[in-house]
Amino acid sequence: MKKAISHSILVVLGMVLSMTTYAQQPATDEQPFKGYISNDEYQVYIRMNFYDNNIIVPDQEILGELSGFFGANRDSRKWLFTSAEITDKNQATIAITNDYGSEDLIATLTYKNDSTYILKQKEGSTLKIAVKGKWVKIPKTIIFKK
């Protein structure tokens, strides 16, 4: 009988602890710098998690966990977010490098509303992707949608 009671107490305690942990974590809507955003015109996207910095770049797992990356539907290369600092609730500053490490830049990502983000390249190299064997420069300011 004592085993059954102590087991029941442990189960209830575990449920209470898990609910407390869940309640302390902000909802996804409260974490604008986490998730997937894209730009249809250039067919590019961003995968990010500036809170936990736990994004693994596909086919580049050796790099470990990063803040995120910039990718393109038409190009397998990635631009890696080596660091990201949320400077206020609606803006983050990102250090970005290409997957060879030969080019880098600083950019800001601004959260405008629940579905719109603006990426501005501030200093350094220019983001670019290869399309049909030619380099396409990404505009210094580009809008992404969730």
C-alpha atoms as a PDB file:
ATOM      1  CA  MET A   1       0.000   0.000   0.000  1.00  0.00           C
ATOM      2  CA  LYS A   2       2.822   2.420   0.877  1.00  0.00           C
ATOM      3  CA  LYS A   3       4.489   1.789  -2.520  1.00  0.00           C
ATOM      4  CA  ALA A   4       1.265   2.594  -4.347  1.00  0.00           C
ATOM      5  CA  ILE A   5       0.781   5.821  -2.391  1.00  0.00           C
ATOM      6  CA  SER A   6       4.374   6.991  -2.847  1.00  0.00           C
ATOM      7  CA  HIS A   7       4.202   6.125  -6.558  1.00  0.00           C
ATOM      8  CA  SER A   8       0.987   8.157  -6.867  1.00  0.00           C
ATOM      9  CA  ILE A   9       2.590  11.078  -5.060  1.00  0.00           C
ATOM     10  CA  LEU A  10       5.582  10.952  -7.419  1.00  0.00           C
ATOM     11  CA  VAL A  11       3.322  10.878 -10.474  1.00  0.00           C
ATOM     12  CA  VAL A  12       1.305  13.881  -9.234  1.00  0.00           C
ATOM     13  CA  LEU A  13       4.497  15.744  -8.289  1.00  0.00           C
ATOM     14  CA  GLY A  14       5.930  15.081 -11.769  1.00  0.00           C
ATOM     15  CA  MET A  15       2.763  16.405 -13.396  1.00  0.00           C
ATOM     16  CA  VAL A  16       2.859  19.573 -11.258  1.00  0.00           C
ATOM     17  CA  LEU A  17       6.533  20.169 -12.065  1.00  0.00           C
ATOM     18  CA  SER A  18       6.011  19.693 -15.795  1.00  0.00           C
ATOM     19  CA  MET A  19       3.046  22.080 -15.789  1.00  0.00           C
ATOM     20  CA  THR A  20       5.103  24.652 -13.867  1.00  0.00           C
ATOM     21  CA  THR A  21       7.974  24.350 -16.358  1.00  0.00           C
ATOM     22  CA  TYR A  22       5.555  24.677 -19.287  1.00  0.00           C
ATOM     23  CA  ALA A  23       3.910  27.742 -17.735  1.00  0.00           C
ATOM     24  CA  GLN A  24       7.292  29.453 -17.288  1.00  0.00           C
ATOM     25  CA  GLN A  25       8.249  29.069 -20.948  1.00  0.00           C
ATOM     26  CA  PRO A  26       6.965  31.906 -23.142  1.00  0.00           C
ATOM     27  CA  ALA A  27       4.595  31.012 -25.922  1.00  0.00           C
ATOM     28  CA  THR A  28       5.974  30.899 -29.484  1.00  0.00           C
ATOM     29  CA  ASP A  29       4.142  34.163 -30.248  1.00  0.00           C
ATOM     30  CA  GLU A  30       6.216  35.766 -27.512  1.00  0.00           C
ATOM     31  CA  GLN A  31       9.427  34.553 -29.149  1.00  0.00           C
ATOM     32  CA  PRO A  32       9.504  36.323 -32.502  1.00  0.00           C
ATOM     33  CA  PHE A  33      13.129  35.324 -33.161  1.00  0.00           C
ATOM     34  CA  LYS A  34      12.407  31.626 -33.256  1.00  0.00           C
ATOM     35  CA  GLY A  35      11.132  29.719 -36.269  1.00  0.00           C
ATOM     36  CA  TYR A  36      11.051  29.900 -40.054  1.00  0.00           C
ATOM     37  CA  ILE A  37      10.523  32.982 -42.239  1.00  0.00           C
ATOM     38  CA  SER A  38      10.810  33.329 -46.015  1.00  0.00           C
ATOM     39  CA  ASN A  39      10.876  35.683 -48.983  1.00  0.00           C
ATOM     40  CA  ASP A  40       9.038  34.349 -52.042  1.00  0.00           C
ATOM     41  CA  GLU A  41      10.519  36.797 -54.552  1.00  0.00           C
ATOM     42  CA  TYR A  42      14.115  35.633 -54.010  1.00  0.00           C
ATOM     43  CA  GLN A  43      13.109  32.163 -52.794  1.00  0.00           C
ATOM     44  CA  VAL A  44      15.196  32.523 -49.641  1.00  0.00           C
ATOM     45  CA  TYR A  45      14.468  31.722 -46.010  1.00  0.00           C
ATOM     46  CA  ILE A  46      15.768  31.999 -42.469  1.00  0.00           C
ATOM     47  CA  ARG A  47      15.679  29.327 -39.792  1.00  0.00           C
ATOM     48  CA  MET A  48      16.415  30.808 -36.394  1.00  0.00           C
ATOM     49  CA  ASN A  49      16.310  30.413 -32.666  1.00  0.00           C
ATOM     50  CA  PHE A  50      18.033  33.375 -31.047  1.00  0.00           C
ATOM     51  CA  TYR A  51      16.861  32.245 -27.590  1.00  0.00           C
ATOM     52  CA  ASP A  52      18.343  28.758 -27.365  1.00  0.00           C
ATOM     53  CA  ASN A  53      20.892  29.014 -30.207  1.00  0.00           C
ATOM     54  CA  ASN A  54      20.249  25.386 -31.082  1.00  0.00           C
ATOM     55  CA  ILE A  55      19.798  25.328 -34.865  1.00  0.00           C
ATOM     56  CA  ILE A  56      21.651  22.593 -36.746  1.00  0.00           C
ATOM     57  CA  VAL A  57      22.473  23.451 -40.369  1.00  0.00           C
ATOM     58  CA  PRO A  58      21.464  20.561 -42.675  1.00  0.00           C
ATOM     59  CA  ASP A  59      24.474  18.666 -44.067  1.00  0.00           C
ATOM     60  CA  GLN A  60      26.774  20.768 -41.878  1.00  0.00           C
ATOM     61  CA  GLU A  61      26.128  19.156 -38.502  1.00  0.00           C
ATOM     62  CA  ILE A  62      29.844  19.317 -37.724  1.00  0.00           C
ATOM     63  CA  LEU A  63      29.409  23.043 -37.032  1.00  0.00           C
ATOM     64  CA  GLY A  64      27.224  22.262 -34.022  1.00  0.00           C
ATOM     65  CA  GLU A  65      24.381  24.408 -32.789  1.00  0.00           C
ATOM     66  CA  LEU A  66      24.073  27.957 -34.125  1.00  0.00           C
ATOM     67  CA  SER A  67      21.666  30.887 -33.800  1.00  0.00           C
ATOM     68  CA  GLY A  68      20.310  30.086 -37.271  1.00  0.00           C
ATOM     69  CA  PHE A  69      21.035  30.359 -40.971  1.00  0.00           C
ATOM     70  CA  PHE A  70      19.992  32.003 -44.223  1.00  0.00           C
ATOM     71  CA  GLY A  71      19.268  29.571 -47.049  1.00  0.00           C
ATOM     72  CA  ALA A  72      17.871  29.511 -50.575  1.00  0.00           C
ATOM     73  CA  ASN A  73      15.525  27.104 -52.319  1.00  0.00           C
ATOM     74  CA  ARG A  74      17.716  27.238 -55.457  1.00  0.00           C
ATOM     75  CA  ASP A  75      21.155  27.034 -53.785  1.00  0.00           C
ATOM     76  CA  SER A  76      22.408  24.450 -51.289  1.00  0.00           C
ATOM     77  CA  ARG A  77      24.933  26.836 -49.718  1.00  0.00           C
ATOM     78  CA  LYS A  78      24.037  28.512 -46.437  1.00  0.00           C
ATOM     79  CA  TRP A  79      24.945  31.731 -44.679  1.00  0.00           C
ATOM     80  CA  LEU A  80      25.495  30.884 -41.002  1.00  0.00           C
ATOM     81  CA  PHE A  81      24.382  32.991 -38.042  1.00  0.00           C
ATOM     82  CA  THR A  82      27.439  32.730 -35.826  1.00  0.00           C
ATOM     83  CA  SER A  83      25.861  34.944 -33.178  1.00  0.00           C
ATOM     84  CA  ALA A  84      22.616  36.782 -32.620  1.00  0.00           C
ATOM     85  CA  GLU A  85      21.858  39.325 -29.943  1.00  0.00           C
ATOM     86  CA  ILE A  86      18.305  40.453 -29.295  1.00  0.00           C
ATOM     87  CA  THR A  87      18.813  44.176 -28.743  1.00  0.00           C
ATOM     88  CA  ASP A  88      15.187  44.936 -27.874  1.00  0.00           C
ATOM     89  CA  LYS A  89      11.933  43.003 -28.099  1.00  0.00           C
ATOM     90  CA  ASN A  90      11.603  43.735 -31.836  1.00  0.00           C
ATOM     91  CA  GLN A  91      15.176  43.740 -33.143  1.00  0.00           C
ATOM     92  CA  ALA A  92      18.233  41.520 -33.190  1.00  0.00           C
ATOM     93  CA  THR A  93      21.768  42.047 -34.470  1.00  0.00           C
ATOM     94  CA  ILE A  94      23.229  39.059 -36.309  1.00  0.00           C
ATOM     95  CA  ALA A  95      26.805  38.139 -37.233  1.00  0.00           C
ATOM     96  CA  ILE A  96      26.632  36.145 -40.488  1.00  0.00           C
ATOM     97  CA  THR A  97      29.297  34.233 -42.413  1.00  0.00           C
ATOM     98  CA  ASN A  98      29.165  32.127 -45.540  1.00  0.00           C
ATOM     99  CA  ASP A  99      29.697  28.392 -45.157  1.00  0.00           C
ATOM    100  CA  TYR A 100      33.334  28.691 -46.311  1.00  0.00           C
ATOM    101  CA  GLY A 101      34.137  31.423 -43.796  1.00  0.00           C
ATOM    102  CA  SER A 102      35.502  33.688 -46.541  1.00  0.00           C
ATOM    103  CA  GLU A 103      32.788  36.374 -46.307  1.00  0.00           C
ATOM    104  CA  ASP A 104      30.954  37.844 -43.362  1.00  0.00           C
ATOM    105  CA  LEU A 105      28.613  40.655 -42.444  1.00  0.00           C
ATOM    106  CA  ILE A 106      26.557  42.229 -39.708  1.00  0.00           C
ATOM    107  CA  ALA A 107      22.806  42.568 -40.176  1.00  0.00           C
ATOM    108  CA  THR A 108      19.731  43.469 -38.180  1.00  0.00           C
ATOM    109  CA  LEU A 109      16.485  41.552 -38.199  1.00  0.00           C
ATOM    110  CA  THR A 110      13.454  43.562 -37.168  1.00  0.00           C
ATOM    111  CA  TYR A 111      10.156  42.002 -36.155  1.00  0.00           C
ATOM    112  CA  LYS A 112       7.412  44.297 -37.483  1.00  0.00           C
ATOM    113  CA  ASN A 113       4.302  42.284 -36.600  1.00  0.00           C
ATOM    114  CA  ASP A 114       3.127  38.692 -36.283  1.00  0.00           C
ATOM    115  CA  SER A 115       4.053  37.869 -39.886  1.00  0.00           C
ATOM    116  CA  THR A 116       6.553  40.459 -41.187  1.00  0.00           C
ATOM    117  CA  TYR A 117      10.312  40.783 -40.621  1.00  0.00           C
ATOM    118  CA  ILE A 118      12.899  43.075 -42.223  1.00  0.00           C
ATOM    119  CA  LEU A 119      16.516  41.988 -42.689  1.00  0.00           C
ATOM    120  CA  LYS A 120      18.977  44.858 -43.219  1.00  0.00           C
ATOM    121  CA  GLN A 121      22.585  44.190 -44.140  1.00  0.00           C
ATOM    122  CA  LYS A 122      24.619  46.791 -42.256  1.00  0.00           C
ATOM    123  CA  GLU A 123      28.331  46.224 -42.875  1.00  0.00           C
ATOM    124  CA  GLY A 124      30.638  43.710 -44.480  1.00  0.00           C
ATOM    125  CA  SER A 125      29.969  41.381 -47.406  1.00  0.00           C
ATOM    126  CA  THR A 126      26.716  41.192 -49.351  1.00  0.00           C
ATOM    127  CA  LEU A 127      24.445  38.175 -49.045  1.00  0.00           C
ATOM    128  CA  LYS A 128      24.275  36.339 -52.358  1.00  0.00           C
ATOM    129  CA  ILE A 129      23.022  33.053 -53.741  1.00  0.00           C
ATOM    130  CA  ALA A 130      23.826  31.101 -56.883  1.00  0.00           C
ATOM    131  CA  VAL A 131      20.989  30.758 -59.392  1.00  0.00           C
ATOM    132  CA  LYS A 132      21.651  28.804 -62.593  1.00  0.00           C
ATOM    133  CA  GLY A 133      25.403  29.263 -62.190  1.00  0.00           C
ATOM    134  CA  LYS A 134      25.279  33.042 -61.595  1.00  0.00           C
ATOM    135  CA  TRP A 135      25.550  34.991 -58.375  1.00  0.00           C
ATOM    136  CA  VAL A 136      22.415  36.907 -57.372  1.00  0.00           C
ATOM    137  CA  LYS A 137      22.920  39.611 -54.752  1.00  0.00           C
ATOM    138  CA  ILE A 138      20.239  39.847 -52.117  1.00  0.00           C
ATOM    139  CA  PRO A 139      19.020  43.443 -51.580  1.00  0.00           C
ATOM    140  CA  LYS A 140      20.471  45.233 -48.544  1.00  0.00           C
ATOM    141  CA  THR A 141      16.929  45.417 -47.161  1.00  0.00           C
ATOM    142  CA  ILE A 142      14.596  42.465 -47.693  1.00  0.00           C
ATOM    143  CA  ILE A 143      11.200  41.595 -46.256  1.00  0.00           C
ATOM    144  CA  PHE A 144      10.452  38.127 -44.872  1.00  0.00           C
ATOM    145  CA  LYS A 145       7.079  36.627 -43.981  1.00  0.00           C
ATOM    146  CA  LYS A 146       6.230  33.995 -41.408  1.00  0.00           C
END
